[in-house]
């Protein structure tokens, strides 16, 4: 029971710390578009993506800007963003199926951060 309590307290502390000092994290991938579109232009630039990627989940599981920018116009529109969600799911699934250690939770499944679904 102590192990689980320690994990809970640790996760609660980290969550409180993150939320107190940084902008809110997007509740879902779809919400992430609005969180990343800082200038409200309806697209996400490379600069906007670089500054907000951590708000949309585990950055090690996020697709790269280039992967999402299908038309190579240096911005991501809502359609490309929706495709990014599929890429994020595929990356997470591949990570879980990997035999190597490139997956950050592969060798550390008890870490509270690894208990979140991607």
PDB file of N, CA and C in Angstrom:
ATOM      1  N   UNK A   1       0.826  -1.189   0.000  1.00  0.00           N
ATOM      2  CA  UNK A   1       0.000   0.000   0.000  1.00  0.00           C
ATOM      3  C   UNK A   1       0.872   1.255   0.000  1.00  0.00           C
ATOM      4  N   UNK A   2       2.014   1.203   0.675  1.00  0.00           N
ATOM      5  CA  UNK A   2       2.905   2.348   0.753  1.00  0.00           C
ATOM      6  C   UNK A   2       3.428   2.730  -0.625  1.00  0.00           C
ATOM      7  N   UNK A   3       3.731   1.749  -1.462  1.00  0.00           N
ATOM      8  CA  UNK A   3       4.231   2.001  -2.808  1.00  0.00           C
ATOM      9  C   UNK A   3       3.209   2.790  -3.619  1.00  0.00           C
ATOM     10  N   UNK A   4       1.958   2.390  -3.516  1.00  0.00           N
ATOM     11  CA  UNK A   4       0.909   3.076  -4.271  1.00  0.00           C
ATOM     12  C   UNK A   4       0.652   4.471  -3.720  1.00  0.00           C
ATOM     13  N   UNK A   5       0.706   4.619  -2.399  1.00  0.00           N
ATOM     14  CA  UNK A   5       0.498   5.922  -1.788  1.00  0.00           C
ATOM     15  C   UNK A   5       1.615   6.881  -2.215  1.00  0.00           C
ATOM     16  N   UNK A   6       2.835   6.397  -2.212  1.00  0.00           N
ATOM     17  CA  UNK A   6       3.970   7.223  -2.622  1.00  0.00           C
ATOM     18  C   UNK A   6       3.823   7.653  -4.076  1.00  0.00           C
ATOM     19  N   UNK A   7       3.390   6.745  -4.931  1.00  0.00           N
ATOM     20  CA  UNK A   7       3.188   7.081  -6.351  1.00  0.00           C
ATOM     21  C   UNK A   7       2.086   8.122  -6.497  1.00  0.00           C
ATOM     22  N   UNK A   8       1.016   7.972  -5.727  1.00  0.00           N
ATOM     23  CA  UNK A   8      -0.097   8.927  -5.785  1.00  0.00           C
ATOM     24  C   UNK A   8       0.347  10.306  -5.326  1.00  0.00           C
ATOM     25  N   UNK A   9       1.038  10.366  -4.197  1.00  0.00           N
ATOM     26  CA  UNK A   9       1.502  11.644  -3.657  1.00  0.00           C
ATOM     27  C   UNK A   9       2.470  12.299  -4.634  1.00  0.00           C
ATOM     28  N   UNK A  10       3.367  11.504  -5.199  1.00  0.00           N
ATOM     29  CA  UNK A  10       4.325  12.024  -6.161  1.00  0.00           C
ATOM     30  C   UNK A  10       3.624  12.593  -7.392  1.00  0.00           C
ATOM     31  N   UNK A  11       2.667  11.855  -7.925  1.00  0.00           N
ATOM     32  CA  UNK A  11       1.929  12.313  -9.110  1.00  0.00           C
ATOM     33  C   UNK A  11       1.127  13.564  -8.787  1.00  0.00           C
ATOM     34  N   UNK A  12       0.510  13.608  -7.621  1.00  0.00           N
ATOM     35  CA  UNK A  12      -0.276  14.780  -7.228  1.00  0.00           C
ATOM     36  C   UNK A  12       0.618  16.003  -7.076  1.00  0.00           C
ATOM     37  N   UNK A  13       1.788  15.825  -6.479  1.00  0.00           N
ATOM     38  CA  UNK A  13       2.711  16.929  -6.297  1.00  0.00           C
ATOM     39  C   UNK A  13       3.191  17.469  -7.638  1.00  0.00           C
ATOM     40  N   UNK A  14       3.600  16.568  -8.517  1.00  0.00           N
ATOM     41  CA  UNK A  14       4.081  16.981  -9.841  1.00  0.00           C
ATOM     42  C   UNK A  14       2.966  17.688 -10.610  1.00  0.00           C
ATOM     43  N   UNK A  15       1.763  17.159 -10.553  1.00  0.00           N
ATOM     44  CA  UNK A  15       0.636  17.782 -11.250  1.00  0.00           C
ATOM     45  C   UNK A  15       0.377  19.181 -10.724  1.00  0.00           C
ATOM     46  N   UNK A  16       0.352  19.334  -9.408  1.00  0.00           N
ATOM     47  CA  UNK A  16       0.121  20.650  -8.810  1.00  0.00           C
ATOM     48  C   UNK A  16       1.227  21.624  -9.177  1.00  0.00           C
ATOM     49  N   UNK A  17       2.455  21.149  -9.160  1.00  0.00           N
ATOM     50  CA  UNK A  17       3.588  21.982  -9.514  1.00  0.00           C
ATOM     51  C   UNK A  17       3.511  22.439 -10.963  1.00  0.00           C
ATOM     52  N   UNK A  18       3.214  21.529 -11.852  1.00  0.00           N
ATOM     53  CA  UNK A  18       3.117  21.870 -13.270  1.00  0.00           C
ATOM     54  C   UNK A  18       1.989  22.846 -13.535  1.00  0.00           C
ATOM     55  N   UNK A  19       0.852  22.627 -12.931  1.00  0.00           N
ATOM     56  CA  UNK A  19      -0.300  23.487 -13.185  1.00  0.00           C
ATOM     57  C   UNK A  19      -0.145  24.859 -12.548  1.00  0.00           C
ATOM     58  N   UNK A  20       0.607  24.960 -11.479  1.00  0.00           N
ATOM     59  CA  UNK A  20       0.751  26.248 -10.816  1.00  0.00           C
ATOM     60  C   UNK A  20       1.689  27.197 -11.548  1.00  0.00           C
ATOM     61  N   UNK A  21       2.676  26.647 -12.262  1.00  0.00           N
ATOM     62  CA  UNK A  21       3.676  27.512 -12.857  1.00  0.00           C
ATOM     63  C   UNK A  21       3.658  27.588 -14.361  1.00  0.00           C
ATOM     64  N   UNK A  22       2.789  26.856 -15.009  1.00  0.00           N
ATOM     65  CA  UNK A  22       2.775  26.845 -16.462  1.00  0.00           C
ATOM     66  C   UNK A  22       1.359  26.977 -16.967  1.00  0.00           C
ATOM     67  N   UNK A  23       1.199  27.329 -18.245  1.00  0.00           N
ATOM     68  CA  UNK A  23      -0.138  27.361 -18.814  1.00  0.00           C
ATOM     69  C   UNK A  23      -0.783  25.976 -18.737  1.00  0.00           C
ATOM     70  N   UNK A  24      -2.084  25.947 -18.763  1.00  0.00           N
ATOM     71  CA  UNK A  24      -2.818  24.685 -18.650  1.00  0.00           C
ATOM     72  C   UNK A  24      -2.444  23.732 -19.773  1.00  0.00           C
ATOM     73  N   UNK A  25      -2.393  22.468 -19.439  1.00  0.00           N
ATOM     74  CA  UNK A  25      -2.113  21.423 -20.413  1.00  0.00           C
ATOM     75  C   UNK A  25      -3.424  21.077 -21.108  1.00  0.00           C
ATOM     76  N   UNK A  26      -3.363  20.826 -22.394  1.00  0.00           N
ATOM     77  CA  UNK A  26      -4.565  20.480 -23.153  1.00  0.00           C
ATOM     78  C   UNK A  26      -5.165  19.187 -22.620  1.00  0.00           C
ATOM     79  N   UNK A  27      -6.491  19.159 -22.494  1.00  0.00           N
ATOM     80  CA  UNK A  27      -7.178  17.975 -21.974  1.00  0.00           C
ATOM     81  C   UNK A  27      -7.129  16.823 -22.963  1.00  0.00           C
ATOM     82  N   UNK A  28      -7.058  17.108 -24.229  1.00  0.00           N
ATOM     83  CA  UNK A  28      -7.020  16.073 -25.252  1.00  0.00           C
ATOM     84  C   UNK A  28      -6.219  16.589 -26.436  1.00  0.00           C
ATOM     85  N   UNK A  29      -5.951  15.687 -27.367  1.00  0.00           N
ATOM     86  CA  UNK A  29      -5.224  16.102 -28.575  1.00  0.00           C
ATOM     87  C   UNK A  29      -6.000  17.188 -29.317  1.00  0.00           C
ATOM     88  N   UNK A  30      -7.321  17.020 -29.449  1.00  0.00           N
ATOM     89  CA  UNK A  30      -8.142  18.003 -30.161  1.00  0.00           C
ATOM     90  C   UNK A  30      -8.060  19.371 -29.484  1.00  0.00           C
ATOM     91  N   UNK A  31      -8.081  19.400 -28.156  1.00  0.00           N
ATOM     92  CA  UNK A  31      -7.956  20.663 -27.427  1.00  0.00           C
ATOM     93  C   UNK A  31      -6.581  21.289 -27.625  1.00  0.00           C
ATOM     94  N   UNK A  32      -5.611  20.462 -27.942  1.00  0.00           N
ATOM     95  CA  UNK A  32      -4.249  20.942 -28.127  1.00  0.00           C
ATOM     96  C   UNK A  32      -4.110  21.920 -29.274  1.00  0.00           C
ATOM     97  N   UNK A  33      -4.966  21.798 -30.287  1.00  0.00           N
ATOM     98  CA  UNK A  33      -4.872  22.726 -31.418  1.00  0.00           C
ATOM     99  C   UNK A  33      -5.066  24.154 -30.940  1.00  0.00           C
ATOM    100  N   UNK A  34      -6.092  24.380 -30.141  1.00  0.00           N
ATOM    101  CA  UNK A  34      -6.346  25.733 -29.632  1.00  0.00           C
ATOM    102  C   UNK A  34      -5.232  26.182 -28.695  1.00  0.00           C
ATOM    103  N   UNK A  35      -4.720  25.254 -27.900  1.00  0.00           N
ATOM    104  CA  UNK A  35      -3.636  25.594 -26.977  1.00  0.00           C
ATOM    105  C   UNK A  35      -2.373  26.000 -27.736  1.00  0.00           C
ATOM    106  N   UNK A  36      -2.128  25.378 -28.880  1.00  0.00           N
ATOM    107  CA  UNK A  36      -0.916  25.659 -29.653  1.00  0.00           C
ATOM    108  C   UNK A  36      -1.057  26.844 -30.602  1.00  0.00           C
ATOM    109  N   UNK A  37      -2.254  27.126 -31.056  1.00  0.00           N
ATOM    110  CA  UNK A  37      -2.472  28.235 -31.984  1.00  0.00           C
ATOM    111  C   UNK A  37      -2.481  29.550 -31.205  1.00  0.00           C
ATOM    112  N   UNK A  38      -1.295  29.948 -30.759  1.00  0.00           N
ATOM    113  CA  UNK A  38      -1.152  31.104 -29.875  1.00  0.00           C
ATOM    114  C   UNK A  38      -1.652  32.409 -30.485  1.00  0.00           C
ATOM    115  N   UNK A  39      -1.486  32.578 -31.786  1.00  0.00           N
ATOM    116  CA  UNK A  39      -1.902  33.834 -32.409  1.00  0.00           C
ATOM    117  C   UNK A  39      -3.324  33.790 -32.955  1.00  0.00           C
ATOM    118  N   UNK A  40      -3.997  32.647 -32.812  1.00  0.00           N
ATOM    119  CA  UNK A  40      -5.395  32.541 -33.253  1.00  0.00           C
ATOM    120  C   UNK A  40      -5.582  32.575 -34.757  1.00  0.00           C
ATOM    121  N   UNK A  41      -4.539  32.232 -35.506  1.00  0.00           N
ATOM    122  CA  UNK A  41      -4.595  32.320 -36.969  1.00  0.00           C
ATOM    123  C   UNK A  41      -5.343  31.150 -37.618  1.00  0.00           C
ATOM    124  N   UNK A  42      -5.599  30.110 -36.848  1.00  0.00           N
ATOM    125  CA  UNK A  42      -6.236  28.926 -37.423  1.00  0.00           C
ATOM    126  C   UNK A  42      -5.239  27.903 -37.929  1.00  0.00           C
ATOM    127  N   UNK A  43      -3.962  28.214 -37.788  1.00  0.00           N
ATOM    128  CA  UNK A  43      -2.890  27.271 -38.125  1.00  0.00           C
ATOM    129  C   UNK A  43      -1.823  27.346 -37.037  1.00  0.00           C
ATOM    130  N   UNK A  44      -0.992  26.327 -36.999  1.00  0.00           N
ATOM    131  CA  UNK A  44       0.094  26.278 -36.017  1.00  0.00           C
ATOM    132  C   UNK A  44       1.416  26.343 -36.769  1.00  0.00           C
ATOM    133  N   UNK A  45       2.217  27.346 -36.446  1.00  0.00           N
ATOM    134  CA  UNK A  45       3.532  27.497 -37.074  1.00  0.00           C
ATOM    135  C   UNK A  45       4.549  26.615 -36.349  1.00  0.00           C
ATOM    136  N   UNK A  46       5.724  26.481 -36.941  1.00  0.00           N
ATOM    137  CA  UNK A  46       6.810  25.720 -36.312  1.00  0.00           C
ATOM    138  C   UNK A  46       7.157  26.316 -34.950  1.00  0.00           C
ATOM    139  N   UNK A  47       7.198  27.633 -34.855  1.00  0.00           N
ATOM    140  CA  UNK A  47       7.527  28.305 -33.596  1.00  0.00           C
ATOM    141  C   UNK A  47       6.459  28.010 -32.546  1.00  0.00           C
ATOM    142  N   UNK A  48       5.184  28.088 -32.940  1.00  0.00           N
ATOM    143  CA  UNK A  48       4.103  27.786 -31.998  1.00  0.00           C
ATOM    144  C   UNK A  48       4.195  26.331 -31.525  1.00  0.00           C
ATOM    145  N   UNK A  49       4.457  25.407 -32.459  1.00  0.00           N
ATOM    146  CA  UNK A  49       4.570  23.990 -32.084  1.00  0.00           C
ATOM    147  C   UNK A  49       5.725  23.783 -31.112  1.00  0.00           C
ATOM    148  N   UNK A  50       6.868  24.387 -31.390  1.00  0.00           N
ATOM    149  CA  UNK A  50       8.030  24.208 -30.521  1.00  0.00           C
ATOM    150  C   UNK A  50       7.757  24.691 -29.107  1.00  0.00           C
ATOM    151  N   UNK A  51       6.965  25.752 -28.973  1.00  0.00           N
ATOM    152  CA  UNK A  51       6.713  26.299 -27.638  1.00  0.00           C
ATOM    153  C   UNK A  51       5.558  25.612 -26.916  1.00  0.00           C
ATOM    154  N   UNK A  52       4.777  24.793 -27.602  1.00  0.00           N
ATOM    155  CA  UNK A  52       3.614  24.209 -26.937  1.00  0.00           C
ATOM    156  C   UNK A  52       3.581  22.686 -26.956  1.00  0.00           C
ATOM    157  N   UNK A  53       4.522  22.053 -27.577  1.00  0.00           N
ATOM    158  CA  UNK A  53       4.467  20.599 -27.740  1.00  0.00           C
ATOM    159  C   UNK A  53       4.254  19.872 -26.413  1.00  0.00           C
ATOM    160  N   UNK A  54       4.867  20.331 -25.357  1.00  0.00           N
ATOM    161  CA  UNK A  54       4.733  19.671 -24.055  1.00  0.00           C
ATOM    162  C   UNK A  54       3.315  19.779 -23.491  1.00  0.00           C
ATOM    163  N   UNK A  55       2.502  20.683 -24.009  1.00  0.00           N
ATOM    164  CA  UNK A  55       1.128  20.848 -23.526  1.00  0.00           C
ATOM    165  C   UNK A  55       0.191  19.775 -24.059  1.00  0.00           C
ATOM    166  N   UNK A  56       0.622  19.032 -25.050  1.00  0.00           N
ATOM    167  CA  UNK A  56      -0.271  18.044 -25.680  1.00  0.00           C
ATOM    168  C   UNK A  56       0.200  16.620 -25.430  1.00  0.00           C
ATOM    169  N   UNK A  57       0.683  16.377 -24.251  1.00  0.00           N
ATOM    170  CA  UNK A  57       1.062  15.019 -23.890  1.00  0.00           C
ATOM    171  C   UNK A  57       2.553  14.807 -23.871  1.00  0.00           C
ATOM    172  N   UNK A  58       2.926  13.566 -23.761  1.00  0.00           N
ATOM    173  CA  UNK A  58       4.318  13.164 -23.688  1.00  0.00           C
ATOM    174  C   UNK A  58       5.017  13.500 -25.001  1.00  0.00           C
ATOM    175  N   UNK A  59       5.947  14.449 -24.998  1.00  0.00           N
ATOM    176  CA  UNK A  59       6.611  14.841 -26.245  1.00  0.00           C
ATOM    177  C   UNK A  59       7.321  13.699 -26.953  1.00  0.00           C
ATOM    178  N   UNK A  60       7.728  12.659 -26.208  1.00  0.00           N
ATOM    179  CA  UNK A  60       8.388  11.535 -26.864  1.00  0.00           C
ATOM    180  C   UNK A  60       7.415  10.728 -27.709  1.00  0.00           C
ATOM    181  N   UNK A  61       6.116  10.938 -27.506  1.00  0.00           N
ATOM    182  CA  UNK A  61       5.097  10.218 -28.268  1.00  0.00           C
ATOM    183  C   UNK A  61       4.432  11.105 -29.319  1.00  0.00           C
ATOM    184  N   UNK A  62       4.757  12.379 -29.326  1.00  0.00           N
ATOM    185  CA  UNK A  62       4.140  13.287 -30.284  1.00  0.00           C
ATOM    186  C   UNK A  62       4.782  13.154 -31.659  1.00  0.00           C
ATOM    187  N   UNK A  63       3.976  13.304 -32.715  1.00  0.00           N
ATOM    188  CA  UNK A  63       4.578  13.350 -34.050  1.00  0.00           C
ATOM    189  C   UNK A  63       5.385  14.637 -34.189  1.00  0.00           C
ATOM    190  N   UNK A  64       6.339  14.637 -35.079  1.00  0.00           N
ATOM    191  CA  UNK A  64       7.117  15.849 -35.319  1.00  0.00           C
ATOM    192  C   UNK A  64       6.296  16.829 -36.148  1.00  0.00           C
ATOM    193  N   UNK A  65       6.716  18.065 -36.132  1.00  0.00           N
ATOM    194  CA  UNK A  65       6.057  19.088 -36.939  1.00  0.00           C
ATOM    195  C   UNK A  65       6.066  18.681 -38.409  1.00  0.00           C
ATOM    196  N   UNK A  66       7.198  18.205 -38.881  1.00  0.00           N
ATOM    197  CA  UNK A  66       7.329  17.809 -40.283  1.00  0.00           C
ATOM    198  C   UNK A  66       6.390  16.660 -40.639  1.00  0.00           C
ATOM    199  N   UNK A  67       6.206  15.716 -39.713  1.00  0.00           N
ATOM    200  CA  UNK A  67       5.286  14.597 -39.965  1.00  0.00           C
ATOM    201  C   UNK A  67       3.852  15.107 -40.161  1.00  0.00           C
ATOM    202  N   UNK A  68       3.476  16.118 -39.385  1.00  0.00           N
ATOM    203  CA  UNK A  68       2.106  16.628 -39.471  1.00  0.00           C
ATOM    204  C   UNK A  68       1.902  17.574 -40.650  1.00  0.00           C
ATOM    205  N   UNK A  69       2.936  18.307 -41.029  1.00  0.00           N
ATOM    206  CA  UNK A  69       2.818  19.308 -42.097  1.00  0.00           C
ATOM    207  C   UNK A  69       2.859  18.622 -43.466  1.00  0.00           C
ATOM    208  N   UNK A  70       1.773  17.968 -43.816  1.00  0.00           N
ATOM    209  CA  UNK A  70       1.702  17.145 -45.034  1.00  0.00           C
ATOM    210  C   UNK A  70       1.924  17.934 -46.322  1.00  0.00           C
ATOM    211  N   UNK A  71       1.460  19.197 -46.378  1.00  0.00           N
ATOM    212  CA  UNK A  71       1.627  19.981 -47.607  1.00  0.00           C
ATOM    213  C   UNK A  71       2.897  20.843 -47.589  1.00  0.00           C
ATOM    214  N   UNK A  72       3.723  20.673 -46.575  1.00  0.00           N
ATOM    215  CA  UNK A  72       5.019  21.357 -46.458  1.00  0.00           C
ATOM    216  C   UNK A  72       4.935  22.870 -46.618  1.00  0.00           C
ATOM    217  N   UNK A  73       3.878  23.471 -46.047  1.00  0.00           N
ATOM    218  CA  UNK A  73       3.748  24.929 -46.136  1.00  0.00           C
ATOM    219  C   UNK A  73       4.171  25.621 -44.843  1.00  0.00           C
ATOM    220  N   UNK A  74       4.855  24.894 -43.966  1.00  0.00           N
ATOM    221  CA  UNK A  74       5.377  25.405 -42.706  1.00  0.00           C
ATOM    222  C   UNK A  74       4.282  25.851 -41.738  1.00  0.00           C
ATOM    223  N   UNK A  75       3.116  25.202 -41.831  1.00  0.00           N
ATOM    224  CA  UNK A  75       2.051  25.416 -40.854  1.00  0.00           C
ATOM    225  C   UNK A  75       1.165  24.175 -40.832  1.00  0.00           C
ATOM    226  N   UNK A  76       0.528  23.993 -39.713  1.00  0.00           N
ATOM    227  CA  UNK A  76      -0.359  22.845 -39.537  1.00  0.00           C
ATOM    228  C   UNK A  76      -1.780  23.361 -39.401  1.00  0.00           C
ATOM    229  N   UNK A  77      -2.645  22.909 -40.302  1.00  0.00           N
ATOM    230  CA  UNK A  77      -4.059  23.291 -40.202  1.00  0.00           C
ATOM    231  C   UNK A  77      -4.806  22.217 -39.414  1.00  0.00           C
ATOM    232  N   UNK A  78      -6.112  22.413 -39.230  1.00  0.00           N
ATOM    233  CA  UNK A  78      -6.879  21.481 -38.398  1.00  0.00           C
ATOM    234  C   UNK A  78      -6.936  20.076 -38.987  1.00  0.00           C
ATOM    235  N   UNK A  79      -6.970  19.956 -40.293  1.00  0.00           N
ATOM    236  CA  UNK A  79      -6.987  18.633 -40.924  1.00  0.00           C
ATOM    237  C   UNK A  79      -5.664  17.905 -40.674  1.00  0.00           C
ATOM    238  N   UNK A  80      -4.564  18.623 -40.821  1.00  0.00           N
ATOM    239  CA  UNK A  80      -3.253  18.022 -40.554  1.00  0.00           C
ATOM    240  C   UNK A  80      -3.126  17.676 -39.060  1.00  0.00           C
ATOM    241  N   UNK A  81      -3.687  18.524 -38.206  1.00  0.00           N
ATOM    242  CA  UNK A  81      -3.662  18.262 -36.767  1.00  0.00           C
ATOM    243  C   UNK A  81      -4.400  16.959 -36.447  1.00  0.00           C
ATOM    244  N   UNK A  82      -5.549  16.756 -37.081  1.00  0.00           N
ATOM    245  CA  UNK A  82      -6.313  15.519 -36.872  1.00  0.00           C
ATOM    246  C   UNK A  82      -5.492  14.308 -37.313  1.00  0.00           C
ATOM    247  N   UNK A  83      -4.755  14.445 -38.399  1.00  0.00           N
ATOM    248  CA  UNK A  83      -3.863  13.374 -38.838  1.00  0.00           C
ATOM    249  C   UNK A  83      -2.752  13.134 -37.834  1.00  0.00           C
ATOM    250  N   UNK A  84      -2.327  14.185 -37.155  1.00  0.00           N
ATOM    251  CA  UNK A  84      -1.301  14.066 -36.133  1.00  0.00           C
ATOM    252  C   UNK A  84      -1.746  13.192 -34.972  1.00  0.00           C
ATOM    253  N   UNK A  85      -3.037  13.215 -34.665  1.00  0.00           N
ATOM    254  CA  UNK A  85      -3.550  12.363 -33.592  1.00  0.00           C
ATOM    255  C   UNK A  85      -3.386  10.893 -33.958  1.00  0.00           C
ATOM    256  N   UNK A  86      -3.638  10.560 -35.215  1.00  0.00           N
ATOM    257  CA  UNK A  86      -3.445   9.180 -35.674  1.00  0.00           C
ATOM    258  C   UNK A  86      -1.972   8.788 -35.583  1.00  0.00           C
ATOM    259  N   UNK A  87      -1.099   9.719 -35.930  1.00  0.00           N
ATOM    260  CA  UNK A  87       0.334   9.455 -35.848  1.00  0.00           C
ATOM    261  C   UNK A  87       0.757   9.251 -34.398  1.00  0.00           C
ATOM    262  N   UNK A  88       0.222  10.073 -33.495  1.00  0.00           N
ATOM    263  CA  UNK A  88       0.549   9.956 -32.072  1.00  0.00           C
ATOM    264  C   UNK A  88       0.133   8.591 -31.537  1.00  0.00           C
ATOM    265  N   UNK A  89      -1.057   8.132 -31.922  1.00  0.00           N
ATOM    266  CA  UNK A  89      -1.539   6.817 -31.498  1.00  0.00           C
ATOM    267  C   UNK A  89      -0.626   5.718 -32.039  1.00  0.00           C
ATOM    268  N   UNK A  90      -0.237   5.835 -33.295  1.00  0.00           N
ATOM    269  CA  UNK A  90       0.643   4.828 -33.902  1.00  0.00           C
ATOM    270  C   UNK A  90       2.004   4.796 -33.205  1.00  0.00           C
ATOM    271  N   UNK A  91       2.540   5.968 -32.883  1.00  0.00           N
ATOM    272  CA  UNK A  91       3.827   6.028 -32.190  1.00  0.00           C
ATOM    273  C   UNK A  91       3.710   5.337 -30.829  1.00  0.00           C
ATOM    274  N   UNK A  92       2.639   5.634 -30.095  1.00  0.00           N
ATOM    275  CA  UNK A  92       2.425   5.011 -28.793  1.00  0.00           C
ATOM    276  C   UNK A  92       2.275   3.502 -28.899  1.00  0.00           C
ATOM    277  N   UNK A  93       1.519   3.045 -29.895  1.00  0.00           N
ATOM    278  CA  UNK A  93       1.337   1.603 -30.084  1.00  0.00           C
ATOM    279  C   UNK A  93       2.656   0.925 -30.441  1.00  0.00           C
ATOM    280  N   UNK A  94       3.432   1.551 -31.303  1.00  0.00           N
ATOM    281  CA  UNK A  94       4.734   0.991 -31.675  1.00  0.00           C
ATOM    282  C   UNK A  94       5.669   0.954 -30.472  1.00  0.00           C
ATOM    283  N   UNK A  95       5.582   1.977 -29.644  1.00  0.00           N
ATOM    284  CA  UNK A  95       6.413   2.018 -28.438  1.00  0.00           C
ATOM    285  C   UNK A  95       6.072   0.862 -27.517  1.00  0.00           C
ATOM    286  N   UNK A  96       4.792   0.638 -27.309  1.00  0.00           N
ATOM    287  CA  UNK A  96       4.363  -0.446 -26.426  1.00  0.00           C
ATOM    288  C   UNK A  96       4.779  -1.813 -26.958  1.00  0.00           C
ATOM    289  N   UNK A  97       4.839  -1.948 -28.280  1.00  0.00           N
ATOM    290  CA  UNK A  97       5.189  -3.225 -28.895  1.00  0.00           C
ATOM    291  C   UNK A  97       6.699  -3.411 -29.052  1.00  0.00           C
ATOM    292  N   UNK A  98       7.473  -2.361 -28.807  1.00  0.00           N
ATOM    293  CA  UNK A  98       8.917  -2.415 -29.030  1.00  0.00           C
ATOM    294  C   UNK A  98       9.605  -3.346 -28.040  1.00  0.00           C
ATOM    295  N   UNK A  99      10.612  -4.016 -28.527  1.00  0.00           N
ATOM    296  CA  UNK A  99      11.411  -4.876 -27.660  1.00  0.00           C
ATOM    297  C   UNK A  99      12.603  -4.121 -27.090  1.00  0.00           C
ATOM    298  N   UNK A 100      12.946  -3.012 -27.697  1.00  0.00           N
ATOM    299  CA  UNK A 100      14.077  -2.216 -27.235  1.00  0.00           C
ATOM    300  C   UNK A 100      13.661  -1.217 -26.178  1.00  0.00           C
ATOM    301  N   UNK A 101      14.563  -0.319 -25.843  1.00  0.00           N
ATOM    302  CA  UNK A 101      14.297   0.624 -24.763  1.00  0.00           C
ATOM    303  C   UNK A 101      14.041   2.041 -25.252  1.00  0.00           C
ATOM    304  N   UNK A 102      13.719   2.234 -26.537  1.00  0.00           N
ATOM    305  CA  UNK A 102      13.459   3.591 -27.010  1.00  0.00           C
ATOM    306  C   UNK A 102      12.190   4.161 -26.414  1.00  0.00           C
ATOM    307  N   UNK A 103      11.299   3.306 -25.943  1.00  0.00           N
ATOM    308  CA  UNK A 103      10.075   3.755 -25.291  1.00  0.00           C
ATOM    309  C   UNK A 103      10.426   4.203 -23.874  1.00  0.00           C
ATOM    310  N   UNK A 104      10.086   5.429 -23.475  1.00  0.00           N
ATOM    311  CA  UNK A 104      10.507   5.924 -22.169  1.00  0.00           C
ATOM    312  C   UNK A 104       9.956   5.116 -20.990  1.00  0.00           C
ATOM    313  N   UNK A 105       8.842   4.430 -21.156  1.00  0.00           N
ATOM    314  CA  UNK A 105       8.268   3.662 -20.051  1.00  0.00           C
ATOM    315  C   UNK A 105       8.541   2.173 -20.174  1.00  0.00           C
ATOM    316  N   UNK A 106       9.228   1.783 -21.221  1.00  0.00           N
ATOM    317  CA  UNK A 106       9.501   0.371 -21.469  1.00  0.00           C
ATOM    318  C   UNK A 106      10.155  -0.303 -20.269  1.00  0.00           C
ATOM    319  N   UNK A 107      11.156   0.344 -19.718  1.00  0.00           N
ATOM    320  CA  UNK A 107      11.896  -0.252 -18.616  1.00  0.00           C
ATOM    321  C   UNK A 107      11.539   0.381 -17.274  1.00  0.00           C
ATOM    322  N   UNK A 108      10.479   1.178 -17.247  1.00  0.00           N
ATOM    323  CA  UNK A 108      10.108   1.887 -16.032  1.00  0.00           C
ATOM    324  C   UNK A 108       8.589   1.971 -15.900  1.00  0.00           C
ATOM    325  N   UNK A 109       7.858   0.853 -15.982  1.00  0.00           N
ATOM    326  CA  UNK A 109       6.395   0.904 -16.005  1.00  0.00           C
ATOM    327  C   UNK A 109       5.758   1.372 -14.709  1.00  0.00           C
ATOM    328  N   UNK A 110       6.487   1.360 -13.583  1.00  0.00           N
ATOM    329  CA  UNK A 110       5.924   1.803 -12.315  1.00  0.00           C
ATOM    330  C   UNK A 110       5.999   3.315 -12.131  1.00  0.00           C
ATOM    331  N   UNK A 111       6.698   4.012 -13.003  1.00  0.00           N
ATOM    332  CA  UNK A 111       6.777   5.457 -12.941  1.00  0.00           C
ATOM    333  C   UNK A 111       5.367   6.027 -13.123  1.00  0.00           C
ATOM    334  N   UNK A 112       4.903   6.918 -12.238  1.00  0.00           N
ATOM    335  CA  UNK A 112       3.530   7.469 -12.374  1.00  0.00           C
ATOM    336  C   UNK A 112       3.273   8.105 -13.733  1.00  0.00           C
ATOM    337  N   UNK A 113       4.272   8.710 -14.327  1.00  0.00           N
ATOM    338  CA  UNK A 113       4.079   9.326 -15.643  1.00  0.00           C
ATOM    339  C   UNK A 113       3.776   8.277 -16.699  1.00  0.00           C
ATOM    340  N   UNK A 114       4.217   7.043 -16.467  1.00  0.00           N
ATOM    341  CA  UNK A 114       3.995   5.958 -17.425  1.00  0.00           C
ATOM    342  C   UNK A 114       2.600   5.338 -17.279  1.00  0.00           C
ATOM    343  N   UNK A 115       1.868   5.740 -16.278  1.00  0.00           N
ATOM    344  CA  UNK A 115       0.536   5.197 -16.063  1.00  0.00           C
ATOM    345  C   UNK A 115      -0.509   5.961 -16.868  1.00  0.00           C
ATOM    346  N   UNK A 116      -0.134   7.083 -17.463  1.00  0.00           N
ATOM    347  CA  UNK A 116      -1.059   7.870 -18.268  1.00  0.00           C
ATOM    348  C   UNK A 116      -1.211   7.236 -19.623  1.00  0.00           C
ATOM    349  N   UNK A 117      -2.423   7.324 -20.187  1.00  0.00           N
ATOM    350  CA  UNK A 117      -2.597   6.804 -21.541  1.00  0.00           C
ATOM    351  C   UNK A 117      -2.208   7.867 -22.530  1.00  0.00           C
ATOM    352  N   UNK A 118      -1.642   7.468 -23.643  1.00  0.00           N
ATOM    353  CA  UNK A 118      -1.224   8.402 -24.676  1.00  0.00           C
ATOM    354  C   UNK A 118      -2.266   8.449 -25.686  1.00  0.00           C
TER     355      UNK A 118
END
